[in-house]
Amino acid sequence: MFAQALDLAYIGPNPAINGYVKSDGQALNIVAGATSGGAALVVLEDSGISKAGDFHHRKIASPQLGNTQDVSLRYWLKNNGLLLKENGGDVSVVPVANPDQLTLFKKKEIAGAWTVEPWVSRLIHEGGGRLFLEESSLWPGKKFVTANIIVRKKFLKEHPDLVKKWILAHVDLTAWINDNPEEAKNILNQEIKKLTGQALPKEILNDAFSRLEITYDPIKESLFTSAKMAYEQGFLGKNMPDLSGIYDLTILNEVLRDKKLTEIN
């Protein structure tokens, strides 16, 4: 988006925040939500970890430094009195790509990982892991944003008609997925097979869907909370950034009004 080579994307909240902050609010706007939930902390079945205090002297993976799950993991550790090695403690957070987390699980080279679906379910079913903490349990109403739709700001201004067509399709598709979950899962799995050469086993797909919600609601307050968490972990500079202009839900609310659905404040 910075290079004006991309106009619209589905992305996690913290990368969206980072892009907005680094561009002084000029690069993008969040125009709709996409998913809530689907993130969790998984530990090895035989790790002996049953409570927060058991993470001392452990190595825990996250998908990427400063990404949404990485920030959540670091914040949770700090809130539970666990210090990272770089801060004088004994817990290591290792940013590792999701596929590599599974490999490290199988080799028992990490004790756990804070990640997203379908990797949560894959770590459990294929990596010998067990669910330690579902992140939704930490949020009001068990709802928190894990993916948004962002649009390049200039594109949004110059082509609101195209953005509206996309959001209309997004709202319709969100409703269809929620009304037809089995068919939606089958279609998704067919596409996964096309892209990777292998479909997900049914039990993994079912488990993954059970932990997430498809929604157009951006769940704004959870993003602002995520931003505060990221700031406290040192990811957003010396001063807490002003995110008051990160959302532009004008077109989403136009679509919702047209469909006689509840608008989002």
C-alpha atoms as a PDB file:
ATOM      1  CA  MET A   1       0.000   0.000   0.000  1.00  0.00           C
ATOM      2  CA  PHE A   2       2.877   2.372   0.723  1.00  0.00           C
ATOM      3  CA  ALA A   3       4.046   1.782  -2.856  1.00  0.00           C
ATOM      4  CA  GLN A   4       0.479   2.167  -4.185  1.00  0.00           C
ATOM      5  CA  ALA A   5       0.715  -1.373  -5.570  1.00  0.00           C
ATOM      6  CA  LEU A   6      -2.135  -2.695  -3.428  1.00  0.00           C
ATOM      7  CA  ASP A   7      -5.546  -1.123  -2.928  1.00  0.00           C
ATOM      8  CA  LEU A   8      -7.423  -3.461  -0.578  1.00  0.00           C
ATOM      9  CA  ALA A   9      -6.435  -6.262   1.776  1.00  0.00           C
ATOM     10  CA  TYR A  10      -7.574  -8.495   4.618  1.00  0.00           C
ATOM     11  CA  ILE A  11      -5.131  -8.073   7.498  1.00  0.00           C
ATOM     12  CA  GLY A  12      -4.749  -8.418  11.258  1.00  0.00           C
ATOM     13  CA  PRO A  13      -5.310  -5.444  13.581  1.00  0.00           C
ATOM     14  CA  ASN A  14      -1.718  -4.825  14.642  1.00  0.00           C
ATOM     15  CA  PRO A  15      -0.273  -4.709  11.092  1.00  0.00           C
ATOM     16  CA  ALA A  16      -3.112  -2.321  10.198  1.00  0.00           C
ATOM     17  CA  ILE A  17      -2.213  -0.161  13.195  1.00  0.00           C
ATOM     18  CA  ASN A  18       1.484  -0.234  12.258  1.00  0.00           C
ATOM     19  CA  GLY A  19       0.744   0.819   8.676  1.00  0.00           C
ATOM     20  CA  TYR A  20      -1.511   3.637   9.821  1.00  0.00           C
ATOM     21  CA  VAL A  21       1.016   4.930  12.356  1.00  0.00           C
ATOM     22  CA  LYS A  22       4.067   4.684  10.078  1.00  0.00           C
ATOM     23  CA  SER A  23       2.252   6.657   7.374  1.00  0.00           C
ATOM     24  CA  ASP A  24       0.964   9.296   9.805  1.00  0.00           C
ATOM     25  CA  GLY A  25      -2.560   8.157   9.012  1.00  0.00           C
ATOM     26  CA  GLN A  26      -2.183   8.649   5.256  1.00  0.00           C
ATOM     27  CA  ALA A  27      -1.788   5.094   3.925  1.00  0.00           C
ATOM     28  CA  LEU A  28      -4.991   3.305   4.827  1.00  0.00           C
ATOM     29  CA  ASN A  29      -8.362   3.080   6.517  1.00  0.00           C
ATOM     30  CA  ILE A  30     -10.117   0.115   8.062  1.00  0.00           C
ATOM     31  CA  VAL A  31     -13.470  -0.145   6.284  1.00  0.00           C
ATOM     32  CA  ALA A  32     -14.927  -3.355   7.780  1.00  0.00           C
ATOM     33  CA  GLY A  33     -14.202  -6.286  10.026  1.00  0.00           C
ATOM     34  CA  ALA A  34     -13.656  -9.845   8.812  1.00  0.00           C
ATOM     35  CA  THR A  35     -13.115 -12.229  11.721  1.00  0.00           C
ATOM     36  CA  SER A  36     -13.275 -12.386  15.494  1.00  0.00           C
ATOM     37  CA  GLY A  37     -11.424 -14.943  17.593  1.00  0.00           C
ATOM     38  CA  GLY A  38      -9.488 -17.950  16.366  1.00  0.00           C
ATOM     39  CA  ALA A  39      -6.331 -17.306  18.401  1.00  0.00           C
ATOM     40  CA  ALA A  40      -5.021 -19.394  21.283  1.00  0.00           C
ATOM     41  CA  LEU A  41      -2.021 -20.483  23.309  1.00  0.00           C
ATOM     42  CA  VAL A  42      -1.211 -24.148  22.683  1.00  0.00           C
ATOM     43  CA  VAL A  43       1.331 -26.110  24.749  1.00  0.00           C
ATOM     44  CA  LEU A  44       2.895 -29.527  24.279  1.00  0.00           C
ATOM     45  CA  GLU A  45       0.758 -32.247  25.831  1.00  0.00           C
ATOM     46  CA  ASP A  46       3.644 -33.533  27.917  1.00  0.00           C
ATOM     47  CA  SER A  47       5.143 -30.127  28.762  1.00  0.00           C
ATOM     48  CA  GLY A  48       3.921 -30.201  32.351  1.00  0.00           C
ATOM     49  CA  ILE A  49       2.455 -26.728  31.889  1.00  0.00           C
ATOM     50  CA  SER A  50      -0.821 -26.309  33.754  1.00  0.00           C
ATOM     51  CA  LYS A  51      -0.641 -22.718  35.010  1.00  0.00           C
ATOM     52  CA  ALA A  52       1.026 -19.429  34.115  1.00  0.00           C
ATOM     53  CA  GLY A  53       3.895 -19.992  36.549  1.00  0.00           C
ATOM     54  CA  ASP A  54       4.930 -23.093  34.643  1.00  0.00           C
ATOM     55  CA  PHE A  55       6.185 -20.958  31.739  1.00  0.00           C
ATOM     56  CA  HIS A  56       9.392 -20.060  33.597  1.00  0.00           C
ATOM     57  CA  HIS A  57      12.468 -21.170  31.606  1.00  0.00           C
ATOM     58  CA  ARG A  58      10.285 -21.994  28.580  1.00  0.00           C
ATOM     59  CA  LYS A  59      10.486 -21.065  24.914  1.00  0.00           C
ATOM     60  CA  ILE A  60       7.162 -19.928  23.379  1.00  0.00           C
ATOM     61  CA  ALA A  61       6.582 -19.148  19.698  1.00  0.00           C
ATOM     62  CA  SER A  62       4.550 -16.417  18.040  1.00  0.00           C
ATOM     63  CA  PRO A  63       3.924 -16.001  14.281  1.00  0.00           C
ATOM     64  CA  GLN A  64       5.931 -12.796  13.758  1.00  0.00           C
ATOM     65  CA  LEU A  65       7.603 -10.086  15.805  1.00  0.00           C
ATOM     66  CA  GLY A  66       5.071  -7.348  16.603  1.00  0.00           C
ATOM     67  CA  ASN A  67       2.143  -9.088  14.941  1.00  0.00           C
ATOM     68  CA  THR A  68      -1.230  -9.415  16.680  1.00  0.00           C
ATOM     69  CA  GLN A  69      -0.543 -12.730  18.417  1.00  0.00           C
ATOM     70  CA  ASP A  70       3.038 -11.774  19.309  1.00  0.00           C
ATOM     71  CA  VAL A  71       1.772  -8.669  21.120  1.00  0.00           C
ATOM     72  CA  SER A  72      -0.970 -10.643  22.877  1.00  0.00           C
ATOM     73  CA  LEU A  73       1.528 -13.252  24.067  1.00  0.00           C
ATOM     74  CA  ARG A  74       4.009 -10.709  25.392  1.00  0.00           C
ATOM     75  CA  TYR A  75       1.245  -8.766  27.138  1.00  0.00           C
ATOM     76  CA  TRP A  76      -0.196 -11.928  28.727  1.00  0.00           C
ATOM     77  CA  LEU A  77       3.210 -13.029  29.995  1.00  0.00           C
ATOM     78  CA  LYS A  78       3.859  -9.622  31.529  1.00  0.00           C
ATOM     79  CA  ASN A  79       0.420  -9.555  33.190  1.00  0.00           C
ATOM     80  CA  ASN A  80       1.181 -12.927  34.737  1.00  0.00           C
ATOM     81  CA  GLY A  81       4.477 -11.784  36.205  1.00  0.00           C
ATOM     82  CA  LEU A  82       6.645 -13.496  33.617  1.00  0.00           C
ATOM     83  CA  LEU A  83       9.619 -11.533  32.291  1.00  0.00           C
ATOM     84  CA  LEU A  84      11.264 -12.091  28.936  1.00  0.00           C
ATOM     85  CA  LYS A  85      14.966 -12.906  28.807  1.00  0.00           C
ATOM     86  CA  GLU A  86      15.754  -9.580  27.172  1.00  0.00           C
ATOM     87  CA  ASN A  87      14.157  -7.871  30.181  1.00  0.00           C
ATOM     88  CA  GLY A  88      16.054  -9.891  32.762  1.00  0.00           C
ATOM     89  CA  GLY A  89      13.600 -12.781  32.972  1.00  0.00           C
ATOM     90  CA  ASP A  90      13.676 -16.423  31.948  1.00  0.00           C
ATOM     91  CA  VAL A  91      10.966 -16.763  29.277  1.00  0.00           C
ATOM     92  CA  SER A  92      11.829 -16.671  25.565  1.00  0.00           C
ATOM     93  CA  VAL A  93       9.378 -15.525  22.883  1.00  0.00           C
ATOM     94  CA  VAL A  94      10.513 -16.769  19.483  1.00  0.00           C
ATOM     95  CA  PRO A  95       8.815 -15.317  16.373  1.00  0.00           C
ATOM     96  CA  VAL A  96       8.449 -18.287  14.001  1.00  0.00           C
ATOM     97  CA  ALA A  97       6.308 -18.673  10.867  1.00  0.00           C
ATOM     98  CA  ASN A  98       3.219 -20.791  11.515  1.00  0.00           C
ATOM     99  CA  PRO A  99       4.293 -23.820   9.417  1.00  0.00           C
ATOM    100  CA  ASP A 100       7.640 -23.862  11.234  1.00  0.00           C
ATOM    101  CA  GLN A 101       5.870 -23.806  14.598  1.00  0.00           C
ATOM    102  CA  LEU A 102       4.356 -27.181  13.761  1.00  0.00           C
ATOM    103  CA  THR A 103       7.787 -28.578  12.903  1.00  0.00           C
ATOM    104  CA  LEU A 104       9.242 -27.265  16.173  1.00  0.00           C
ATOM    105  CA  PHE A 105       6.305 -28.739  18.094  1.00  0.00           C
ATOM    106  CA  LYS A 106       6.931 -32.164  16.617  1.00  0.00           C
ATOM    107  CA  LYS A 107      10.620 -31.879  17.532  1.00  0.00           C
ATOM    108  CA  LYS A 108       9.661 -30.595  21.014  1.00  0.00           C
ATOM    109  CA  GLU A 109      11.976 -27.630  20.552  1.00  0.00           C
ATOM    110  CA  ILE A 110       9.372 -25.166  21.859  1.00  0.00           C
ATOM    111  CA  ALA A 111       7.004 -25.600  24.796  1.00  0.00           C
ATOM    112  CA  GLY A 112       4.117 -23.719  23.256  1.00  0.00           C
ATOM    113  CA  ALA A 113       2.870 -21.233  20.688  1.00  0.00           C
ATOM    114  CA  TRP A 114       0.354 -18.381  20.611  1.00  0.00           C
ATOM    115  CA  THR A 115      -1.052 -18.540  17.115  1.00  0.00           C
ATOM    116  CA  VAL A 116      -4.187 -18.500  14.952  1.00  0.00           C
ATOM    117  CA  GLU A 117      -6.387 -21.001  13.186  1.00  0.00           C
ATOM    118  CA  PRO A 118      -5.994 -23.373  11.501  1.00  0.00           C
ATOM    119  CA  TRP A 119      -2.579 -23.633  13.140  1.00  0.00           C
ATOM    120  CA  VAL A 120      -4.063 -23.817  16.625  1.00  0.00           C
ATOM    121  CA  SER A 121      -5.943 -26.960  15.599  1.00  0.00           C
ATOM    122  CA  ARG A 122      -2.999 -28.348  13.634  1.00  0.00           C
ATOM    123  CA  LEU A 123      -0.682 -27.989  16.629  1.00  0.00           C
ATOM    124  CA  ILE A 124      -3.225 -29.884  18.713  1.00  0.00           C
ATOM    125  CA  HIS A 125      -4.042 -32.656  16.227  1.00  0.00           C
ATOM    126  CA  GLU A 126      -0.711 -33.022  14.435  1.00  0.00           C
ATOM    127  CA  GLY A 127       1.866 -31.598  16.826  1.00  0.00           C
ATOM    128  CA  GLY A 128       0.991 -33.281  20.090  1.00  0.00           C
ATOM    129  CA  GLY A 129      -0.331 -30.097  21.635  1.00  0.00           C
ATOM    130  CA  ARG A 130      -3.234 -29.182  23.893  1.00  0.00           C
ATOM    131  CA  LEU A 131      -5.204 -25.989  24.297  1.00  0.00           C
ATOM    132  CA  PHE A 132      -3.913 -23.993  27.259  1.00  0.00           C
ATOM    133  CA  LEU A 133      -5.708 -20.685  26.741  1.00  0.00           C
ATOM    134  CA  GLU A 134      -8.214 -19.499  24.179  1.00  0.00           C
ATOM    135  CA  GLU A 135      -7.655 -15.769  23.705  1.00  0.00           C
ATOM    136  CA  SER A 136     -11.385 -15.060  23.486  1.00  0.00           C
ATOM    137  CA  SER A 137     -11.614 -15.781  27.232  1.00  0.00           C
ATOM    138  CA  LEU A 138      -9.592 -12.603  27.858  1.00  0.00           C
ATOM    139  CA  TRP A 139     -11.935 -10.242  25.974  1.00  0.00           C
ATOM    140  CA  PRO A 140     -15.331  -8.706  26.837  1.00  0.00           C
ATOM    141  CA  GLY A 141     -18.095 -10.839  25.366  1.00  0.00           C
ATOM    142  CA  LYS A 142     -15.353 -13.163  24.040  1.00  0.00           C
ATOM    143  CA  LYS A 143     -15.108 -10.953  20.954  1.00  0.00           C
ATOM    144  CA  PHE A 144     -11.920  -9.428  19.555  1.00  0.00           C
ATOM    145  CA  VAL A 145     -10.867  -8.576  16.023  1.00  0.00           C
ATOM    146  CA  THR A 146      -8.356 -10.847  14.293  1.00  0.00           C
ATOM    147  CA  ALA A 147      -8.819  -9.593  10.720  1.00  0.00           C
ATOM    148  CA  ASN A 148     -10.056  -6.379   9.082  1.00  0.00           C
ATOM    149  CA  ILE A 149     -10.496  -5.080   5.571  1.00  0.00           C
ATOM    150  CA  ILE A 150      -8.172  -2.166   4.883  1.00  0.00           C
ATOM    151  CA  VAL A 151      -8.243   0.095   1.828  1.00  0.00           C
ATOM    152  CA  ARG A 152      -5.613   2.486   0.545  1.00  0.00           C
ATOM    153  CA  LYS A 153      -6.832   5.938   1.531  1.00  0.00           C
ATOM    154  CA  LYS A 154      -6.430   7.541  -1.891  1.00  0.00           C
ATOM    155  CA  PHE A 155      -8.190   4.615  -3.579  1.00  0.00           C
ATOM    156  CA  LEU A 156     -11.065   4.868  -1.094  1.00  0.00           C
ATOM    157  CA  LYS A 157     -11.459   8.555  -1.910  1.00  0.00           C
ATOM    158  CA  GLU A 158     -11.222   8.121  -5.683  1.00  0.00           C
ATOM    159  CA  HIS A 159     -13.201   4.877  -6.081  1.00  0.00           C
ATOM    160  CA  PRO A 160     -15.865   4.675  -3.369  1.00  0.00           C
ATOM    161  CA  ASP A 161     -18.169   2.882  -5.822  1.00  0.00           C
ATOM    162  CA  LEU A 162     -15.727  -0.018  -6.215  1.00  0.00           C
ATOM    163  CA  VAL A 163     -15.131  -0.205  -2.481  1.00  0.00           C
ATOM    164  CA  LYS A 164     -18.885  -0.288  -1.923  1.00  0.00           C
ATOM    165  CA  LYS A 165     -19.250  -3.203  -4.338  1.00  0.00           C
ATOM    166  CA  TRP A 166     -16.572  -5.098  -2.442  1.00  0.00           C
ATOM    167  CA  ILE A 167     -18.093  -4.386   0.967  1.00  0.00           C
ATOM    168  CA  LEU A 168     -21.557  -5.342  -0.304  1.00  0.00           C
ATOM    169  CA  ALA A 169     -20.161  -8.687  -1.470  1.00  0.00           C
ATOM    170  CA  HIS A 170     -18.297  -9.051   1.826  1.00  0.00           C
ATOM    171  CA  VAL A 171     -21.455  -8.493   3.906  1.00  0.00           C
ATOM    172  CA  ASP A 172     -23.446 -10.894   1.721  1.00  0.00           C
ATOM    173  CA  LEU A 173     -20.716 -13.528   1.877  1.00  0.00           C
ATOM    174  CA  THR A 174     -20.387 -13.145   5.646  1.00  0.00           C
ATOM    175  CA  ALA A 175     -24.097 -13.865   6.027  1.00  0.00           C
ATOM    176  CA  TRP A 176     -23.905 -16.804   3.623  1.00  0.00           C
ATOM    177  CA  ILE A 177     -20.955 -18.406   5.454  1.00  0.00           C
ATOM    178  CA  ASN A 178     -22.742 -18.100   8.788  1.00  0.00           C
ATOM    179  CA  ASP A 179     -25.941 -19.569   7.298  1.00  0.00           C
ATOM    180  CA  ASN A 180     -24.137 -22.363   5.435  1.00  0.00           C
ATOM    181  CA  PRO A 181     -21.116 -23.332   7.526  1.00  0.00           C
ATOM    182  CA  GLU A 182     -20.685 -26.874   6.189  1.00  0.00           C
ATOM    183  CA  GLU A 183     -20.774 -25.820   2.548  1.00  0.00           C
ATOM    184  CA  ALA A 184     -18.481 -22.897   3.328  1.00  0.00           C
ATOM    185  CA  LYS A 185     -15.952 -25.203   4.980  1.00  0.00           C
ATOM    186  CA  ASN A 186     -16.017 -27.550   2.000  1.00  0.00           C
ATOM    187  CA  ILE A 187     -15.403 -24.716  -0.471  1.00  0.00           C
ATOM    188  CA  LEU A 188     -12.599 -23.345   1.677  1.00  0.00           C
ATOM    189  CA  ASN A 189     -10.967 -26.749   1.935  1.00  0.00           C
ATOM    190  CA  GLN A 190     -11.109 -27.212  -1.831  1.00  0.00           C
ATOM    191  CA  GLU A 191      -9.256 -23.915  -2.257  1.00  0.00           C
ATOM    192  CA  ILE A 192      -6.703 -24.887   0.384  1.00  0.00           C
ATOM    193  CA  LYS A 193      -6.066 -28.102  -1.543  1.00  0.00           C
ATOM    194  CA  LYS A 194      -5.612 -26.143  -4.796  1.00  0.00           C
ATOM    195  CA  LEU A 195      -3.117 -23.791  -3.165  1.00  0.00           C
ATOM    196  CA  THR A 196      -1.168 -26.251  -1.024  1.00  0.00           C
ATOM    197  CA  GLY A 197      -1.834 -29.616  -2.655  1.00  0.00           C
ATOM    198  CA  GLN A 198      -3.461 -30.992   0.481  1.00  0.00           C
ATOM    199  CA  ALA A 199      -6.841 -30.368   2.114  1.00  0.00           C
ATOM    200  CA  LEU A 200      -7.168 -30.038   5.878  1.00  0.00           C
ATOM    201  CA  PRO A 201      -8.543 -33.076   7.727  1.00  0.00           C
ATOM    202  CA  LYS A 202     -12.184 -32.584   8.649  1.00  0.00           C
ATOM    203  CA  GLU A 203     -11.561 -32.603  12.404  1.00  0.00           C
ATOM    204  CA  ILE A 204      -8.999 -29.794  12.060  1.00  0.00           C
ATOM    205  CA  LEU A 205     -11.297 -27.707   9.873  1.00  0.00           C
ATOM    206  CA  ASN A 206     -14.212 -28.188  12.288  1.00  0.00           C
ATOM    207  CA  ASP A 207     -12.083 -27.310  15.321  1.00  0.00           C
ATOM    208  CA  ALA A 208     -10.719 -24.216  13.595  1.00  0.00           C
ATOM    209  CA  PHE A 209     -14.184 -22.917  12.707  1.00  0.00           C
ATOM    210  CA  SER A 210     -15.450 -23.583  16.227  1.00  0.00           C
ATOM    211  CA  ARG A 211     -13.008 -21.004  17.596  1.00  0.00           C
ATOM    212  CA  LEU A 212     -13.642 -18.127  15.199  1.00  0.00           C
ATOM    213  CA  GLU A 213     -16.512 -15.953  14.021  1.00  0.00           C
ATOM    214  CA  ILE A 214     -16.914 -14.555  10.514  1.00  0.00           C
ATOM    215  CA  THR A 215     -18.182 -10.982  10.908  1.00  0.00           C
ATOM    216  CA  TYR A 216     -18.178  -7.602   9.173  1.00  0.00           C
ATOM    217  CA  ASP A 217     -18.153  -5.862  12.577  1.00  0.00           C
ATOM    218  CA  PRO A 218     -14.656  -4.424  13.093  1.00  0.00           C
ATOM    219  CA  ILE A 219     -15.053  -4.675  16.916  1.00  0.00           C
ATOM    220  CA  LYS A 220     -13.356  -1.310  17.209  1.00  0.00           C
ATOM    221  CA  GLU A 221     -12.705  -1.237  20.951  1.00  0.00           C
ATOM    222  CA  SER A 222     -10.627  -4.406  20.776  1.00  0.00           C
ATOM    223  CA  LEU A 223      -8.357  -2.800  18.179  1.00  0.00           C
ATOM    224  CA  PHE A 224      -7.778   0.226  20.397  1.00  0.00           C
ATOM    225  CA  THR A 225      -6.979  -2.148  23.269  1.00  0.00           C
ATOM    226  CA  SER A 226      -4.558  -4.059  21.015  1.00  0.00           C
ATOM    227  CA  ALA A 227      -2.897  -0.757  20.126  1.00  0.00           C
ATOM    228  CA  LYS A 228      -2.433   0.072  23.793  1.00  0.00           C
ATOM    229  CA  MET A 229      -0.932  -3.371  24.385  1.00  0.00           C
ATOM    230  CA  ALA A 230       1.460  -2.897  21.461  1.00  0.00           C
ATOM    231  CA  TYR A 231       2.468   0.543  22.724  1.00  0.00           C
ATOM    232  CA  GLU A 232       3.178  -0.810  26.200  1.00  0.00           C
ATOM    233  CA  GLN A 233       5.399  -3.479  24.612  1.00  0.00           C
ATOM    234  CA  GLY A 234       7.400  -0.780  22.813  1.00  0.00           C
ATOM    235  CA  PHE A 235       6.134  -1.419  19.281  1.00  0.00           C
ATOM    236  CA  LEU A 236       4.517   1.963  18.526  1.00  0.00           C
ATOM    237  CA  GLY A 237       7.171   4.512  19.448  1.00  0.00           C
ATOM    238  CA  LYS A 238       7.644   6.852  22.378  1.00  0.00           C
ATOM    239  CA  ASN A 239       4.119   8.263  22.409  1.00  0.00           C
ATOM    240  CA  MET A 240       0.772   6.515  22.147  1.00  0.00           C
ATOM    241  CA  PRO A 241      -0.394   7.276  18.584  1.00  0.00           C
ATOM    242  CA  ASP A 242      -3.686   8.939  17.752  1.00  0.00           C
ATOM    243  CA  LEU A 243      -5.838   6.299  16.034  1.00  0.00           C
ATOM    244  CA  SER A 244      -9.053   8.313  15.973  1.00  0.00           C
ATOM    245  CA  GLY A 245      -9.026   8.405  12.159  1.00  0.00           C
ATOM    246  CA  ILE A 246      -8.077   4.800  11.448  1.00  0.00           C
ATOM    247  CA  TYR A 247     -11.688   3.760  10.719  1.00  0.00           C
ATOM    248  CA  ASP A 248     -13.873   4.879   7.860  1.00  0.00           C
ATOM    249  CA  LEU A 249     -17.072   2.866   8.184  1.00  0.00           C
ATOM    250  CA  THR A 250     -19.124   5.226   6.009  1.00  0.00           C
ATOM    251  CA  ILE A 251     -19.546   2.777   3.135  1.00  0.00           C
ATOM    252  CA  LEU A 252     -20.096  -0.227   5.416  1.00  0.00           C
ATOM    253  CA  ASN A 253     -22.923   1.625   7.148  1.00  0.00           C
ATOM    254  CA  GLU A 254     -24.407   2.639   3.781  1.00  0.00           C
ATOM    255  CA  VAL A 255     -24.520  -1.051   2.857  1.00  0.00           C
ATOM    256  CA  LEU A 256     -26.012  -1.984   6.228  1.00  0.00           C
ATOM    257  CA  ARG A 257     -28.669   0.726   5.896  1.00  0.00           C
ATOM    258  CA  ASP A 258     -29.569  -0.491   2.415  1.00  0.00           C
ATOM    259  CA  LYS A 259     -30.005  -3.988   3.823  1.00  0.00           C
ATOM    260  CA  LYS A 260     -31.899  -2.711   6.882  1.00  0.00           C
ATOM    261  CA  LEU A 261     -29.208  -4.067   9.173  1.00  0.00           C
ATOM    262  CA  THR A 262     -27.885  -2.413  12.315  1.00  0.00           C
ATOM    263  CA  GLU A 263     -25.249   0.223  11.643  1.00  0.00           C
ATOM    264  CA  ILE A 264     -21.937   0.222  13.485  1.00  0.00           C
ATOM    265  CA  ASN A 265     -20.968   3.243  15.548  1.00  0.00           C
END
